[in-house]
Amino acid sequence: MVNIVNNPSELSKIDFTEPFIQALFAFHTIVLVWVISTRKSSTLLSVNLCLLALGGLLSEQLNNLAGRHWKTFSKTNYFDKSGVFTTTLWSAPLIAIMLLNLVFLLNVTMNVLAVTKRAQLKEAARKAKKTK
């Protein structure tokens, strides 16, 4: 078992050519591209955020499941009880993508707020002009 917590040099023992690790990187890349491509839709950003949070919440269960069945998809058991490998290669990228998603969601919200405030100011100016 690779233990990167007690010995960070163990990180070099991770075989990044294993198909499941490459698939994990591909998954994170696809999710990142999806979040960037949906950055103008508050509805999709909200759904993205919920799904990404769900993926983070399921990381412990994924770690336990992968720890029991690692021989079917890996040459090495990376899945210890503390879940460091899963946290590093599953949860940390999800959290980074969620943060980017949240920035996009805040941007969309600020834009809607600015458009609404502009409309309010124009309406107030029209009313003030009528009363003169």
N, C-alpha and C. Protein backbone atom coordinates (compact mmCIF):
# COMPACT_ATOMS: atom_id res chain seq x y z
N MET A 1 0.84 -1.18 0.00
CA MET A 1 0.00 0.00 0.00
C MET A 1 0.89 1.24 0.00
N VAL A 2 0.56 2.19 -0.84
CA VAL A 2 1.30 3.44 -0.92
C VAL A 2 0.76 4.37 0.16
N ASN A 3 1.65 4.88 1.02
CA ASN A 3 1.24 5.76 2.12
C ASN A 3 1.91 7.12 1.93
N ILE A 4 1.20 8.06 1.33
CA ILE A 4 1.79 9.36 1.03
C ILE A 4 1.68 10.34 2.18
N VAL A 5 0.96 9.96 3.26
CA VAL A 5 0.85 10.85 4.42
C VAL A 5 2.12 10.82 5.24
N ASN A 6 2.53 9.63 5.65
CA ASN A 6 3.71 9.50 6.49
C ASN A 6 5.01 9.66 5.72
N ASN A 7 4.97 9.43 4.43
CA ASN A 7 6.18 9.50 3.62
C ASN A 7 5.83 10.12 2.26
N PRO A 8 5.97 11.44 2.13
CA PRO A 8 5.61 12.09 0.86
C PRO A 8 6.38 11.58 -0.35
N SER A 9 7.54 10.97 -0.14
CA SER A 9 8.30 10.43 -1.28
C SER A 9 7.56 9.26 -1.91
N GLU A 10 6.57 8.71 -1.21
CA GLU A 10 5.76 7.63 -1.76
C GLU A 10 4.93 8.09 -2.96
N LEU A 11 4.76 9.40 -3.07
CA LEU A 11 4.00 9.95 -4.21
C LEU A 11 4.62 9.53 -5.53
N SER A 12 5.93 9.40 -5.54
CA SER A 12 6.61 8.99 -6.78
C SER A 12 6.32 7.53 -7.13
N LYS A 13 5.78 6.77 -6.19
CA LYS A 13 5.46 5.36 -6.45
C LYS A 13 4.11 5.19 -7.14
N ILE A 14 3.36 6.27 -7.24
CA ILE A 14 2.07 6.17 -7.92
C ILE A 14 2.32 6.02 -9.42
N ASP A 15 1.72 5.02 -9.99
CA ASP A 15 1.86 4.75 -11.42
C ASP A 15 0.79 5.52 -12.18
N PHE A 16 1.19 6.69 -12.71
CA PHE A 16 0.23 7.55 -13.40
C PHE A 16 -0.14 7.03 -14.78
N THR A 17 0.45 5.89 -15.17
CA THR A 17 0.07 5.29 -16.45
C THR A 17 -1.07 4.28 -16.29
N GLU A 18 -1.49 4.04 -15.04
CA GLU A 18 -2.60 3.11 -14.83
C GLU A 18 -3.87 3.70 -15.43
N PRO A 19 -4.63 2.87 -16.13
CA PRO A 19 -5.84 3.37 -16.80
C PRO A 19 -6.83 4.06 -15.87
N PHE A 20 -7.00 3.58 -14.65
CA PHE A 20 -8.00 4.21 -13.78
C PHE A 20 -7.55 5.60 -13.33
N ILE A 21 -6.25 5.80 -13.19
CA ILE A 21 -5.76 7.13 -12.82
C ILE A 21 -5.89 8.07 -14.01
N GLN A 22 -5.59 7.59 -15.20
CA GLN A 22 -5.77 8.40 -16.39
C GLN A 22 -7.25 8.73 -16.62
N ALA A 23 -8.12 7.77 -16.35
CA ALA A 23 -9.56 8.01 -16.48
C ALA A 23 -10.02 9.06 -15.46
N LEU A 24 -9.44 9.01 -14.27
CA LEU A 24 -9.77 10.00 -13.24
C LEU A 24 -9.35 11.39 -13.68
N PHE A 25 -8.15 11.52 -14.24
CA PHE A 25 -7.70 12.81 -14.77
C PHE A 25 -8.59 13.27 -15.92
N ALA A 26 -8.97 12.35 -16.79
CA ALA A 26 -9.85 12.69 -17.91
C ALA A 26 -11.21 13.16 -17.39
N PHE A 27 -11.73 12.49 -16.36
CA PHE A 27 -13.00 12.89 -15.77
C PHE A 27 -12.92 14.31 -15.23
N HIS A 28 -11.86 14.61 -14.48
CA HIS A 28 -11.72 15.96 -13.92
C HIS A 28 -11.56 17.01 -15.03
N THR A 29 -10.87 16.65 -16.09
CA THR A 29 -10.71 17.58 -17.21
C THR A 29 -12.05 17.84 -17.89
N ILE A 30 -12.82 16.80 -18.11
CA ILE A 30 -14.14 16.95 -18.74
C ILE A 30 -15.06 17.79 -17.87
N VAL A 31 -15.04 17.54 -16.56
CA VAL A 31 -15.88 18.31 -15.64
C VAL A 31 -15.45 19.78 -15.66
N LEU A 32 -14.15 20.03 -15.66
CA LEU A 32 -13.65 21.41 -15.70
C LEU A 32 -14.09 22.12 -16.98
N VAL A 33 -13.97 21.45 -18.11
CA VAL A 33 -14.40 22.04 -19.38
C VAL A 33 -15.91 22.29 -19.36
N TRP A 34 -16.68 21.36 -18.79
CA TRP A 34 -18.13 21.54 -18.69
C TRP A 34 -18.47 22.76 -17.85
N VAL A 35 -17.81 22.91 -16.69
CA VAL A 35 -18.09 24.06 -15.82
C VAL A 35 -17.75 25.36 -16.53
N ILE A 36 -16.62 25.38 -17.22
CA ILE A 36 -16.23 26.59 -17.96
C ILE A 36 -17.23 26.89 -19.07
N SER A 37 -17.71 25.85 -19.75
CA SER A 37 -18.64 26.07 -20.86
C SER A 37 -20.04 26.48 -20.38
N THR A 38 -20.38 26.20 -19.14
CA THR A 38 -21.70 26.58 -18.62
C THR A 38 -21.62 27.81 -17.71
N ARG A 39 -20.56 28.59 -17.82
CA ARG A 39 -20.31 29.68 -16.88
C ARG A 39 -21.31 30.83 -16.97
N LYS A 40 -22.13 30.87 -18.01
CA LYS A 40 -23.08 31.98 -18.15
C LYS A 40 -24.49 31.61 -17.69
N SER A 41 -24.71 30.37 -17.32
CA SER A 41 -26.05 29.92 -16.91
C SER A 41 -26.08 29.65 -15.41
N SER A 42 -26.85 30.47 -14.70
CA SER A 42 -26.92 30.29 -13.25
C SER A 42 -27.57 28.96 -12.87
N THR A 43 -28.51 28.51 -13.67
CA THR A 43 -29.18 27.23 -13.38
C THR A 43 -28.19 26.08 -13.51
N LEU A 44 -27.47 26.03 -14.62
CA LEU A 44 -26.50 24.95 -14.81
C LEU A 44 -25.37 25.03 -13.78
N LEU A 45 -24.94 26.22 -13.45
CA LEU A 45 -23.89 26.37 -12.44
C LEU A 45 -24.36 25.87 -11.08
N SER A 46 -25.62 26.12 -10.76
CA SER A 46 -26.17 25.64 -9.49
C SER A 46 -26.25 24.11 -9.48
N VAL A 47 -26.70 23.53 -10.59
CA VAL A 47 -26.76 22.08 -10.70
C VAL A 47 -25.34 21.49 -10.62
N ASN A 48 -24.40 22.12 -11.34
CA ASN A 48 -23.00 21.67 -11.29
C ASN A 48 -22.49 21.65 -9.85
N LEU A 49 -22.74 22.74 -9.13
CA LEU A 49 -22.25 22.86 -7.76
C LEU A 49 -22.82 21.76 -6.88
N CYS A 50 -24.10 21.48 -7.03
CA CYS A 50 -24.72 20.42 -6.23
C CYS A 50 -24.15 19.04 -6.57
N LEU A 51 -23.97 18.77 -7.85
CA LEU A 51 -23.42 17.47 -8.26
C LEU A 51 -21.97 17.31 -7.82
N LEU A 52 -21.19 18.37 -7.93
CA LEU A 52 -19.80 18.31 -7.48
C LEU A 52 -19.72 18.11 -5.97
N ALA A 53 -20.58 18.78 -5.24
CA ALA A 53 -20.61 18.60 -3.78
C ALA A 53 -21.01 17.17 -3.43
N LEU A 54 -21.95 16.61 -4.17
CA LEU A 54 -22.35 15.23 -3.96
C LEU A 54 -21.17 14.28 -4.22
N GLY A 55 -20.42 14.56 -5.27
CA GLY A 55 -19.23 13.76 -5.56
C GLY A 55 -18.21 13.82 -4.42
N GLY A 56 -18.06 15.00 -3.84
CA GLY A 56 -17.16 15.13 -2.69
C GLY A 56 -17.68 14.39 -1.47
N LEU A 57 -18.99 14.45 -1.26
CA LEU A 57 -19.57 13.74 -0.11
C LEU A 57 -19.45 12.23 -0.24
N LEU A 58 -19.46 11.75 -1.45
CA LEU A 58 -19.37 10.30 -1.68
C LEU A 58 -17.94 9.77 -1.68
N SER A 59 -16.97 10.64 -1.44
CA SER A 59 -15.56 10.21 -1.55
C SER A 59 -15.20 9.13 -0.54
N GLU A 60 -15.74 9.18 0.66
CA GLU A 60 -15.43 8.15 1.65
C GLU A 60 -15.96 6.79 1.20
N GLN A 61 -17.19 6.78 0.70
CA GLN A 61 -17.76 5.52 0.21
C GLN A 61 -16.99 5.01 -1.01
N LEU A 62 -16.59 5.92 -1.90
CA LEU A 62 -15.79 5.51 -3.06
C LEU A 62 -14.45 4.92 -2.62
N ASN A 63 -13.84 5.53 -1.61
CA ASN A 63 -12.57 5.02 -1.10
C ASN A 63 -12.74 3.62 -0.53
N ASN A 64 -13.79 3.41 0.26
CA ASN A 64 -14.05 2.08 0.84
C ASN A 64 -14.32 1.04 -0.24
N LEU A 65 -15.13 1.41 -1.22
CA LEU A 65 -15.45 0.50 -2.32
C LEU A 65 -14.19 0.17 -3.13
N ALA A 66 -13.42 1.19 -3.46
CA ALA A 66 -12.19 0.97 -4.23
C ALA A 66 -11.17 0.16 -3.41
N GLY A 67 -11.13 0.37 -2.09
CA GLY A 67 -10.24 -0.38 -1.23
C GLY A 67 -10.56 -1.87 -1.22
N ARG A 68 -11.84 -2.19 -1.36
CA ARG A 68 -12.24 -3.60 -1.37
C ARG A 68 -12.01 -4.26 -2.74
N HIS A 69 -12.07 -3.48 -3.81
CA HIS A 69 -12.02 -4.06 -5.16
C HIS A 69 -10.86 -3.55 -6.00
N TRP A 70 -9.79 -3.08 -5.38
CA TRP A 70 -8.70 -2.46 -6.13
C TRP A 70 -8.04 -3.41 -7.11
N LYS A 71 -8.06 -4.71 -6.85
CA LYS A 71 -7.38 -5.66 -7.73
C LYS A 71 -8.04 -5.75 -9.11
N THR A 72 -9.28 -5.33 -9.22
CA THR A 72 -9.98 -5.42 -10.51
C THR A 72 -9.60 -4.30 -11.47
N PHE A 73 -9.00 -3.22 -10.95
CA PHE A 73 -8.68 -2.08 -11.83
C PHE A 73 -7.31 -1.48 -11.60
N SER A 74 -6.52 -2.02 -10.67
CA SER A 74 -5.22 -1.42 -10.36
C SER A 74 -4.19 -2.49 -10.04
N LYS A 75 -2.93 -2.12 -10.20
CA LYS A 75 -1.84 -3.02 -9.84
C LYS A 75 -1.44 -2.85 -8.38
N THR A 76 -1.75 -1.68 -7.81
CA THR A 76 -1.34 -1.33 -6.45
C THR A 76 -2.55 -0.86 -5.66
N ASN A 77 -2.58 -1.21 -4.36
CA ASN A 77 -3.65 -0.73 -3.50
C ASN A 77 -3.29 0.66 -2.99
N TYR A 78 -3.92 1.67 -3.55
CA TYR A 78 -3.70 3.05 -3.14
C TYR A 78 -4.68 3.49 -2.06
N PHE A 79 -5.65 2.68 -1.75
CA PHE A 79 -6.80 3.10 -0.96
C PHE A 79 -6.67 2.68 0.50
N ASP A 80 -6.05 3.53 1.30
CA ASP A 80 -5.90 3.25 2.73
C ASP A 80 -7.14 3.72 3.48
N LYS A 81 -7.21 3.38 4.77
CA LYS A 81 -8.38 3.73 5.57
C LYS A 81 -8.53 5.24 5.77
N SER A 82 -7.42 5.97 5.77
CA SER A 82 -7.52 7.42 5.96
C SER A 82 -7.97 8.14 4.69
N GLY A 83 -7.90 7.48 3.55
CA GLY A 83 -8.42 8.06 2.31
C GLY A 83 -7.57 9.15 1.70
N VAL A 84 -6.27 9.15 1.97
CA VAL A 84 -5.41 10.22 1.49
C VAL A 84 -5.33 10.22 -0.04
N PHE A 85 -5.19 9.08 -0.64
CA PHE A 85 -5.12 8.99 -2.10
C PHE A 85 -6.41 9.51 -2.72
N THR A 86 -7.54 9.08 -2.17
CA THR A 86 -8.83 9.51 -2.69
C THR A 86 -9.01 11.01 -2.50
N THR A 87 -8.58 11.52 -1.35
CA THR A 87 -8.67 12.95 -1.10
C THR A 87 -7.81 13.73 -2.08
N THR A 88 -6.61 13.21 -2.33
CA THR A 88 -5.67 13.91 -3.20
C THR A 88 -6.10 13.89 -4.66
N LEU A 89 -6.51 12.75 -5.15
CA LEU A 89 -6.80 12.63 -6.58
C LEU A 89 -8.29 12.70 -6.94
N TRP A 90 -9.17 12.66 -5.95
CA TRP A 90 -10.61 12.77 -6.24
C TRP A 90 -11.18 14.06 -5.65
N SER A 91 -11.07 14.21 -4.35
CA SER A 91 -11.74 15.33 -3.68
C SER A 91 -11.08 16.68 -3.93
N ALA A 92 -9.76 16.74 -3.88
CA ALA A 92 -9.08 18.03 -4.06
C ALA A 92 -9.40 18.66 -5.43
N PRO A 93 -9.32 17.91 -6.53
CA PRO A 93 -9.71 18.51 -7.81
C PRO A 93 -11.19 18.92 -7.85
N LEU A 94 -12.05 18.12 -7.21
CA LEU A 94 -13.47 18.49 -7.18
C LEU A 94 -13.66 19.80 -6.41
N ILE A 95 -12.95 19.96 -5.32
CA ILE A 95 -13.07 21.19 -4.53
C ILE A 95 -12.56 22.39 -5.34
N ALA A 96 -11.47 22.21 -6.06
CA ALA A 96 -10.95 23.30 -6.90
C ALA A 96 -11.96 23.66 -8.00
N ILE A 97 -12.56 22.66 -8.61
CA ILE A 97 -13.56 22.92 -9.66
C ILE A 97 -14.80 23.57 -9.05
N MET A 98 -15.19 23.13 -7.83
CA MET A 98 -16.34 23.76 -7.16
C MET A 98 -16.05 25.23 -6.87
N LEU A 99 -14.83 25.53 -6.48
CA LEU A 99 -14.47 26.92 -6.20
C LEU A 99 -14.58 27.77 -7.47
N LEU A 100 -14.07 27.25 -8.58
CA LEU A 100 -14.20 27.96 -9.86
C LEU A 100 -15.67 28.12 -10.24
N ASN A 101 -16.45 27.06 -10.05
CA ASN A 101 -17.89 27.10 -10.33
C ASN A 101 -18.56 28.18 -9.48
N LEU A 102 -18.17 28.27 -8.23
CA LEU A 102 -18.74 29.28 -7.33
C LEU A 102 -18.38 30.69 -7.77
N VAL A 103 -17.15 30.88 -8.24
CA VAL A 103 -16.75 32.19 -8.76
C VAL A 103 -17.61 32.56 -9.97
N PHE A 104 -17.83 31.60 -10.88
CA PHE A 104 -18.69 31.86 -12.04
C PHE A 104 -20.13 32.17 -11.60
N LEU A 105 -20.62 31.45 -10.61
CA LEU A 105 -21.98 31.67 -10.12
C LEU A 105 -22.11 33.06 -9.49
N LEU A 106 -21.11 33.47 -8.74
CA LEU A 106 -21.12 34.81 -8.15
C LEU A 106 -21.06 35.88 -9.24
N ASN A 107 -20.30 35.63 -10.28
CA ASN A 107 -20.21 36.57 -11.40
C ASN A 107 -21.57 36.73 -12.08
N VAL A 108 -22.24 35.62 -12.35
CA VAL A 108 -23.57 35.67 -12.96
C VAL A 108 -24.53 36.43 -12.05
N THR A 109 -24.46 36.15 -10.76
CA THR A 109 -25.34 36.83 -9.80
C THR A 109 -25.08 38.33 -9.77
N MET A 110 -23.81 38.73 -9.78
CA MET A 110 -23.47 40.16 -9.79
C MET A 110 -23.97 40.83 -11.07
N ASN A 111 -23.86 40.15 -12.19
CA ASN A 111 -24.35 40.71 -13.45
C ASN A 111 -25.86 40.91 -13.42
N VAL A 112 -26.60 39.94 -12.89
CA VAL A 112 -28.05 40.08 -12.77
C VAL A 112 -28.39 41.23 -11.83
N LEU A 113 -27.66 41.34 -10.74
CA LEU A 113 -27.88 42.43 -9.80
C LEU A 113 -27.62 43.79 -10.45
N ALA A 114 -26.56 43.89 -11.24
CA ALA A 114 -26.24 45.15 -11.92
C ALA A 114 -27.32 45.52 -12.94
N VAL A 115 -27.81 44.55 -13.70
CA VAL A 115 -28.87 44.81 -14.68
C VAL A 115 -30.14 45.26 -13.96
N THR A 116 -30.47 44.62 -12.87
CA THR A 116 -31.66 44.98 -12.11
C THR A 116 -31.55 46.38 -11.53
N LYS A 117 -30.40 46.71 -10.98
CA LYS A 117 -30.20 48.04 -10.39
C LYS A 117 -30.27 49.12 -11.47
N ARG A 118 -29.66 48.85 -12.64
CA ARG A 118 -29.74 49.80 -13.75
C ARG A 118 -31.19 50.05 -14.16
N ALA A 119 -31.97 49.00 -14.23
CA ALA A 119 -33.39 49.14 -14.59
C ALA A 119 -34.13 49.95 -13.53
N GLN A 120 -33.82 49.72 -12.27
CA GLN A 120 -34.44 50.50 -11.19
C GLN A 120 -34.09 51.99 -11.32
N LEU A 121 -32.84 52.28 -11.58
CA LEU A 121 -32.40 53.67 -11.71
C LEU A 121 -33.05 54.36 -12.92
N LYS A 122 -33.16 53.63 -14.04
CA LYS A 122 -33.82 54.19 -15.22
C LYS A 122 -35.29 54.48 -14.93
N GLU A 123 -35.95 53.56 -14.24
CA GLU A 123 -37.35 53.76 -13.88
C GLU A 123 -37.53 54.95 -12.95
N ALA A 124 -36.63 55.07 -11.98
CA ALA A 124 -36.68 56.21 -11.06
C ALA A 124 -36.45 57.52 -11.80
N ALA A 125 -35.54 57.53 -12.77
CA ALA A 125 -35.27 58.74 -13.56
C ALA A 125 -36.49 59.10 -14.41
N ARG A 126 -37.17 58.10 -14.99
CA ARG A 126 -38.37 58.35 -15.78
C ARG A 126 -39.49 58.93 -14.92
N LYS A 127 -39.65 58.39 -13.74
CA LYS A 127 -40.68 58.89 -12.83
C LYS A 127 -40.37 60.32 -12.39
N ALA A 128 -39.12 60.58 -12.12
CA ALA A 128 -38.71 61.94 -11.72
C ALA A 128 -38.92 62.92 -12.86
N LYS A 129 -38.69 62.49 -14.08
CA LYS A 129 -38.87 63.35 -15.26
C LYS A 129 -40.35 63.65 -15.48
N LYS A 130 -41.23 62.68 -15.24
CA LYS A 130 -42.67 62.86 -15.41
C LYS A 130 -43.23 63.82 -14.38
N THR A 131 -42.72 63.80 -13.19
CA THR A 131 -43.27 64.64 -12.12
C THR A 131 -42.83 66.10 -12.25
N LYS A 132 -41.84 66.40 -13.06
CA LYS A 132 -41.37 67.79 -13.22
C LYS A 132 -42.25 68.57 -14.11
